[in-house]
Protein backbone atom coordinates (compact mmCIF):
# COMPACT_ATOMS: atom_id res chain seq x y z
CA MET A 1 179.75 116.20 101.89
CA LEU A 2 177.00 115.50 99.34
CA TYR A 3 177.93 113.10 96.33
CA HIS A 4 176.20 112.56 93.14
CA LYS A 5 174.70 109.07 92.57
CA ASP A 6 176.73 108.70 89.35
CA PHE A 7 180.01 109.35 91.15
CA LEU A 8 179.26 106.78 93.90
CA GLU A 9 178.15 104.33 91.24
CA ARG A 10 181.56 104.80 89.68
CA LEU A 11 183.40 104.16 92.81
CA TYR A 12 181.57 100.95 93.55
CA TRP A 13 182.00 99.75 89.90
CA MET A 14 185.78 100.29 89.99
CA MET A 15 186.22 98.62 93.40
CA LYS A 16 183.99 95.64 92.17
CA ARG A 17 185.76 95.10 88.93
CA ILE A 18 189.19 95.29 90.54
CA ARG A 19 188.08 92.58 93.03
CA LEU A 20 186.57 90.22 90.45
CA CYS A 21 189.66 90.78 88.21
CA GLU A 22 192.07 89.59 91.00
CA GLU A 23 189.82 86.71 92.08
CA SER A 24 189.63 85.47 88.52
CA LEU A 25 193.38 85.00 88.50
CA ILE A 26 193.23 82.44 91.35
CA GLN A 27 192.50 79.23 89.56
CA PRO A 28 194.99 80.09 86.58
CA ILE A 29 197.69 80.85 89.15
CA THR A 30 196.87 77.63 91.13
CA ASP A 31 196.95 75.34 88.23
CA GLY A 32 199.91 76.84 86.62
CA ARG A 33 198.75 78.65 83.65
CA ILE A 34 199.97 81.82 84.95
CA ARG A 35 203.63 81.46 85.69
CA CYS A 36 204.87 84.81 86.95
CA PRO A 37 204.64 85.85 90.55
CA VAL A 38 201.34 87.67 91.19
CA HIS A 39 200.53 89.88 94.16
CA LEU A 40 196.81 90.18 94.66
CA TYR A 41 195.16 93.36 95.57
CA SER A 42 191.99 91.94 96.99
CA GLY A 43 190.89 93.91 100.10
CA GLU A 44 192.70 97.06 99.29
CA GLU A 45 190.49 98.28 96.38
CA ALA A 46 189.15 101.35 98.27
CA ILE A 47 192.64 102.98 98.24
CA ALA A 48 193.44 102.78 94.57
CA THR A 49 189.85 103.68 93.69
CA GLY A 50 189.56 106.68 96.05
CA VAL A 51 192.95 108.20 95.19
CA CYS A 52 192.59 107.82 91.39
CA ALA A 53 189.12 109.27 91.59
CA ALA A 54 190.73 112.46 92.66
CA LEU A 55 193.16 112.47 89.82
CA LYS A 56 192.93 113.61 86.12
CA LYS A 57 193.95 111.63 83.16
CA HIS A 58 197.01 113.73 82.74
CA ASP A 59 198.35 113.01 86.41
CA TYR A 60 200.92 110.40 86.88
CA ILE A 61 201.16 107.40 89.09
CA PHE A 62 203.90 104.97 89.95
CA GLY A 63 203.22 101.64 91.61
CA ASN A 64 204.85 98.65 93.09
CA HIS A 65 204.41 94.85 93.13
CA ARG A 66 200.81 94.82 94.10
CA SER A 67 199.60 97.33 91.57
CA HIS A 68 196.80 95.77 89.51
CA GLY A 69 194.32 97.95 91.30
CA HIS A 70 196.37 101.12 90.65
CA PHE A 71 196.58 100.21 87.09
CA LEU A 72 192.76 99.55 86.68
CA ALA A 73 191.76 102.51 88.78
CA LYS A 74 193.88 105.02 86.71
CA GLY A 75 192.29 103.93 83.55
CA GLY A 76 194.36 101.04 82.30
CA ASN A 77 192.78 98.50 79.92
CA MET A 78 191.85 95.24 81.92
CA SER A 79 192.50 92.89 78.80
CA ALA A 80 196.12 94.37 78.22
CA MET A 81 196.68 93.77 81.93
CA ILE A 82 195.65 90.30 82.15
CA ALA A 83 197.40 89.53 78.80
CA GLU A 84 200.57 90.86 80.44
CA ILE A 85 200.19 88.60 83.35
CA TYR A 86 199.73 85.61 81.12
CA GLY A 87 202.92 86.74 79.29
CA LYS A 88 201.20 87.40 76.04
CA GLU A 89 202.12 89.86 73.10
CA ALA A 90 198.95 91.81 73.50
CA GLY A 91 200.04 92.64 77.07
CA CYS A 92 200.48 96.17 78.20
CA SER A 93 204.20 95.42 78.27
CA GLY A 94 204.44 93.12 75.28
CA GLY A 95 204.36 90.15 77.51
CA ARG A 96 207.96 90.98 78.73
CA GLY A 97 207.04 92.18 82.25
CA GLY A 98 204.46 90.20 83.81
CA SER A 99 202.33 91.22 86.67
CA MET A 100 204.82 93.46 88.32
CA HIS A 101 205.77 95.53 85.35
CA LEU A 102 202.69 97.26 84.13
CA ILE A 103 202.70 100.45 82.24
CA ASP A 104 200.12 102.78 80.18
CA PRO A 105 201.48 106.32 79.62
CA GLU A 106 198.40 107.49 77.84
CA ASN A 107 196.57 106.94 80.96
CA GLY A 108 199.38 108.42 83.33
CA ILE A 109 200.61 104.93 84.43
CA ILE A 110 204.27 105.61 84.08
CA GLY A 111 205.59 102.51 85.78
CA VAL A 112 205.25 99.53 88.13
CA THR A 113 208.47 97.94 89.61
CA PRO A 114 208.65 95.15 92.19
CA ILE A 115 211.65 96.44 93.86
CA VAL A 116 210.55 97.68 97.32
CA ALA A 117 210.48 101.57 97.38
CA GLY A 118 212.11 101.18 93.86
CA SER A 119 209.60 103.52 92.16
CA ILE A 120 209.49 106.28 94.70
CA SER A 121 212.50 107.96 93.48
CA LEU A 122 211.12 107.60 89.91
CA ALA A 123 207.95 109.35 91.12
CA THR A 124 210.06 112.03 92.64
CA GLY A 125 211.81 112.64 89.27
CA SER A 126 208.41 112.80 87.60
CA ALA A 127 207.22 115.62 89.99
CA LEU A 128 210.50 117.45 89.47
CA ALA A 129 209.93 117.37 85.78
CA SER A 130 206.35 118.59 86.13
CA LYS A 131 207.57 121.52 88.16
CA MET A 132 210.47 122.37 85.75
CA ARG A 133 207.82 122.29 82.89
CA LYS A 134 205.48 124.46 84.85
CA GLU A 135 202.67 121.79 84.44
CA LYS A 136 199.72 121.24 86.77
CA ASN A 137 200.39 117.48 86.80
CA VAL A 138 200.29 115.75 90.22
CA THR A 139 202.48 112.50 90.67
CA VAL A 140 201.27 109.81 93.17
CA SER A 141 203.64 107.27 94.44
CA PHE A 142 202.07 104.15 95.87
CA PHE A 143 204.03 101.81 98.26
CA GLY A 144 203.43 99.39 101.17
CA ASP A 145 204.41 99.83 104.70
CA GLY A 146 207.42 97.56 103.98
CA ALA A 147 208.90 100.48 101.92
CA THR A 148 209.26 102.41 105.03
CA GLY A 149 212.35 100.49 105.96
CA GLU A 150 214.12 101.58 102.66
CA GLY A 151 216.48 104.64 102.64
CA GLY A 152 215.23 105.88 99.27
CA LEU A 153 211.93 106.94 100.81
CA TYR A 154 213.44 109.26 103.12
CA GLU A 155 215.81 110.70 100.68
CA ALA A 156 212.79 111.11 98.41
CA MET A 157 210.82 112.96 101.03
CA ASN A 158 213.64 115.34 101.82
CA PHE A 159 214.20 116.28 98.15
CA ALA A 160 210.50 116.56 97.46
CA SER A 161 209.99 118.79 100.47
CA LEU A 162 213.02 120.81 99.63
CA LYS A 163 211.91 121.62 96.02
CA LYS A 164 208.22 121.71 96.95
CA LEU A 165 207.26 119.11 94.56
CA PRO A 166 203.70 118.15 93.42
CA LEU A 167 204.05 114.69 94.90
CA ILE A 168 201.78 112.60 96.92
CA PHE A 169 203.19 109.74 98.81
CA VAL A 170 200.70 106.95 99.39
CA CYS A 171 201.51 104.32 101.90
CA GLU A 172 199.26 101.46 101.67
CA ASN A 173 199.70 99.94 105.13
CA ASN A 174 198.19 96.42 105.18
CA LEU A 175 199.89 95.75 108.28
CA TYR A 176 202.26 92.94 107.01
CA SER A 177 205.64 93.27 105.06
CA THR A 178 205.56 89.99 103.39
CA HIS A 179 205.13 87.62 106.56
CA LEU A 180 206.14 90.11 109.24
CA HIS A 181 203.57 92.24 111.24
CA VAL A 182 204.28 95.93 111.34
CA SER A 183 204.72 95.80 115.22
CA GLN A 184 207.72 93.35 114.39
CA ILE A 185 209.62 95.75 112.13
CA ARG A 186 208.83 99.29 113.39
CA VAL A 187 209.19 100.90 116.82
CA ASP A 188 206.59 103.53 115.97
CA ARG A 189 203.48 102.10 114.06
CA ASN A 190 202.17 105.49 113.18
CA ILE A 191 203.77 105.48 109.70
CA SER A 192 202.62 108.94 108.72
CA GLU A 193 204.72 110.52 111.45
CA ILE A 194 207.73 109.78 109.36
CA ALA A 195 206.90 112.67 107.03
CA LYS A 196 206.81 115.32 109.62
CA PRO A 197 210.64 115.88 110.29
CA PHE A 198 210.68 116.75 106.58
CA ASN A 199 207.88 119.26 107.04
CA ILE A 200 205.57 117.30 104.78
CA LYS A 201 201.86 117.52 105.63
CA ALA A 202 200.97 114.05 106.64
CA TYR A 203 197.54 112.39 107.16
CA THR A 204 196.18 108.80 108.15
CA ALA A 205 192.79 107.42 107.30
CA ASP A 206 190.74 104.37 107.17
CA GLY A 207 191.87 102.61 103.77
CA ASN A 208 188.72 100.60 103.61
CA ASP A 209 186.46 103.48 103.57
CA VAL A 210 186.51 104.65 99.88
CA LEU A 211 185.03 108.01 100.53
CA ALA A 212 187.43 108.89 103.45
CA VAL A 213 190.20 107.83 101.00
CA TYR A 214 188.70 110.07 98.22
CA LYS A 215 188.27 113.01 100.48
CA LEU A 216 191.78 113.05 101.76
CA ALA A 217 193.20 112.40 98.28
CA LYS A 218 191.28 115.38 96.80
CA LYS A 219 192.67 117.48 99.61
CA ALA A 220 196.08 116.27 98.86
CA VAL A 221 195.79 116.94 95.16
CA SER A 222 194.51 120.32 95.75
CA LEU A 223 197.60 121.21 97.97
CA CYS A 224 200.05 119.94 95.25
CA ARG A 225 198.28 121.77 92.35
CA ASN A 226 198.59 125.00 94.41
CA LYS A 227 202.28 124.54 94.96
CA LYS A 228 201.80 123.44 98.64
CA GLY A 229 203.11 119.79 98.27
CA PRO A 230 204.39 117.30 98.81
CA VAL A 231 201.79 115.51 100.90
CA PHE A 232 202.13 112.11 102.68
CA LEU A 233 198.97 109.87 103.07
CA GLU A 234 198.86 106.66 104.92
CA PHE A 235 195.80 104.35 104.44
CA ILE A 236 195.29 101.39 107.00
CA SER A 237 193.98 98.37 105.20
CA TYR A 238 194.29 94.60 104.91
CA ARG A 239 195.06 92.08 102.07
CA LEU A 240 192.59 89.28 101.99
CA ARG A 241 194.88 86.98 100.01
CA GLY A 242 198.41 85.88 100.51
CA HIS A 243 201.56 88.02 100.09
CA VAL A 244 202.03 86.14 96.59
CA GLY A 245 199.22 84.49 94.97
CA PRO A 246 196.05 83.17 96.75
CA SER A 247 197.73 82.14 99.78
CA ASP A 248 201.21 82.18 101.62
CA THR A 249 203.72 79.58 100.91
CA ILE A 250 205.67 78.28 103.69
CA GLN A 251 208.13 75.33 103.21
CA GLY A 252 206.23 74.08 100.33
CA SER A 253 202.75 74.18 101.96
CA HIS A 254 200.03 76.80 101.07
CA HIS A 255 198.49 78.53 104.03
CA ASP A 256 198.01 81.91 105.58
CA ILE A 257 200.46 82.83 108.52
CA ARG A 258 198.09 85.39 109.84
CA PRO A 259 195.76 84.54 112.73
CA LYS A 260 192.46 83.21 111.58
CA GLU A 261 190.51 85.50 113.95
CA GLN A 262 192.48 88.39 112.53
CA ILE A 263 191.54 87.65 108.98
CA ALA A 264 187.83 86.92 110.05
CA GLU A 265 187.62 90.40 111.62
CA TRP A 266 189.07 92.12 108.51
CA LYS A 267 186.63 90.39 106.18
CA LYS A 268 183.89 92.17 108.04
CA LYS A 269 185.53 95.43 107.10
CA ASP A 270 185.69 94.32 103.40
CA PRO A 271 185.63 97.74 101.71
CA ILE A 272 183.20 96.59 98.91
CA LEU A 273 180.76 95.11 101.31
CA VAL A 274 180.99 98.20 103.69
CA PHE A 275 180.43 100.65 100.60
CA ARG A 276 177.72 98.47 99.31
CA LYS A 277 175.76 98.78 102.62
CA PHE A 278 176.24 102.52 102.64
CA LEU A 279 174.79 102.91 99.25
CA ILE A 280 171.80 100.74 99.87
CA GLU A 281 171.09 102.24 103.51
CA ASN A 282 171.37 105.85 102.14
CA LYS A 283 169.14 105.14 99.07
CA TYR A 284 171.78 106.00 96.59
CA LEU A 285 171.62 102.66 94.93
CA SER A 286 169.29 99.76 95.20
CA GLU A 287 170.42 96.24 95.56
CA SER A 288 169.01 95.31 92.23
CA GLU A 289 170.92 98.17 90.71
CA LEU A 290 174.22 97.02 92.53
CA ASN A 291 173.51 93.50 91.34
CA GLU A 292 173.41 94.71 87.77
CA ILE A 293 176.88 96.41 88.18
CA ASP A 294 178.20 93.24 89.58
CA LYS A 295 176.85 91.30 86.46
CA LEU A 296 178.50 93.81 84.20
CA CYS A 297 181.86 93.59 85.92
CA ARG A 298 181.69 89.72 85.70
CA VAL A 299 180.98 89.94 81.91
CA GLU A 300 183.95 92.46 81.54
CA VAL A 301 186.35 90.13 83.55
CA GLU A 302 185.47 86.99 81.56
CA GLU A 303 185.84 88.82 78.31
CA ALA A 304 189.31 90.23 79.54
CA ASN A 305 190.36 86.65 80.61
CA ASN A 306 189.23 85.16 77.37
CA PHE A 307 191.10 87.78 75.36
CA ALA A 308 194.37 87.05 77.24
CA ILE A 309 194.02 83.25 77.13
CA ASN A 310 193.45 83.40 73.27
CA SER A 311 196.21 85.81 72.64
CA LYS A 312 199.62 84.76 71.35
CA PHE A 313 202.87 84.53 73.22
CA PRO A 314 205.69 86.67 71.83
CA ASP A 315 207.87 85.02 69.09
CA LYS A 316 210.92 83.48 70.35
CA SER A 317 212.89 85.40 67.53
CA GLN A 318 211.82 88.57 69.21
CA ILE A 319 213.29 87.70 72.71
CA SER A 320 215.89 90.65 72.52
CA LYS A 321 213.22 93.18 71.38
CA TYR A 322 212.70 96.05 73.80
CA VAL A 323 215.79 95.22 75.69
CA PHE A 324 218.02 97.81 73.94
CA LYS A 325 216.92 101.12 72.39
CA GLU A 326 216.43 100.79 68.75
C-alpha cells in the first residue's frame, strides 16, 4: 500500500505529541503537583494513532483508565486534557474528573471511565443508537486485556453481533493486567479468539506498527459502515511505564515488577523509533524534518502544561455543580 508523505507525517506527529505529553506528566506526578491517579500511555501510541486515523470526526470512541492517547488521537485538546489532570476549571471535565474521566463530544470522544470494561456497554449503546438513527457513524471501544475477564464484554459482543452493530472492539493487549502477566490469568492467550463464538470477525496485529494498526482499523471501519459489523481487533503492545504513574508501587517502594530483560526487549520495539526508522529508510521524511516535528511537539506540550498550571481550580462554592441535572 502506498502512502502520501503528509499522511505519514501526521501519524508520526500524533505519536510523538502523545509520547511527549505523557512524559511531561512524570515530574508533576512524582513531586505531587498532580494528585489524581494517572495511567500513562507511553509505548502504546501506535494503537490510538492508527485506529483514530481511520475514523471520521463524527465517529465515536469510548476509552478506559489509560486513555490520554485516545483523547488526543481523536482530536481532543491537549491543554484541556492536561488542565483536567491537574484538576483545573479549564479542564475538559471542568476539573471534576481527572485523568480517567475525559470527554469531548464535539470530536466524538463520548466518555472515558476507569471501571475495567465499564465503557464497553456504553459503546454498545452508542452503536445501537447510530443504527436506529440510520447514521453512518462507527463506534470504537478501547479496552485492555484485563477487560477480557469481565462478563460485560461477552454480553456486549453477543448483543452487538445479534443486532449487527457498527461497533469495533479494540483490545490493547499490553500483556499485563495491573501486575499479572496474561499467561497468569488466561488459559488461551490468543484474545481475539474470544469473539469468534459470537460470529464476530476478529483479527490480531502488531500494536507497535502504526501502519499495520491503521490498515486493519480501516478494514474494520469499512465493514461497519457497510453493515457488516461488529469487528474485534486485538493489538499486541507494551506499556513502557508503570501501571499507575511512572513506575509500579509495591509496598511503598517504586519499581517495575516486570523482568528488566523483557522491558529492554520491548524498548527496542518502541513504535515511535520503529516508525521513525521506516520513514527515514524509505525516504519519506529526513531526519532534520522529523527533528523539526519533534521540536514543534515539545513547544505544544510545554504551552499546554503552562496553560494547565496557570489555570484556576474550581471554586469551592461550586463543588456540587454538574453532580445533578440542572
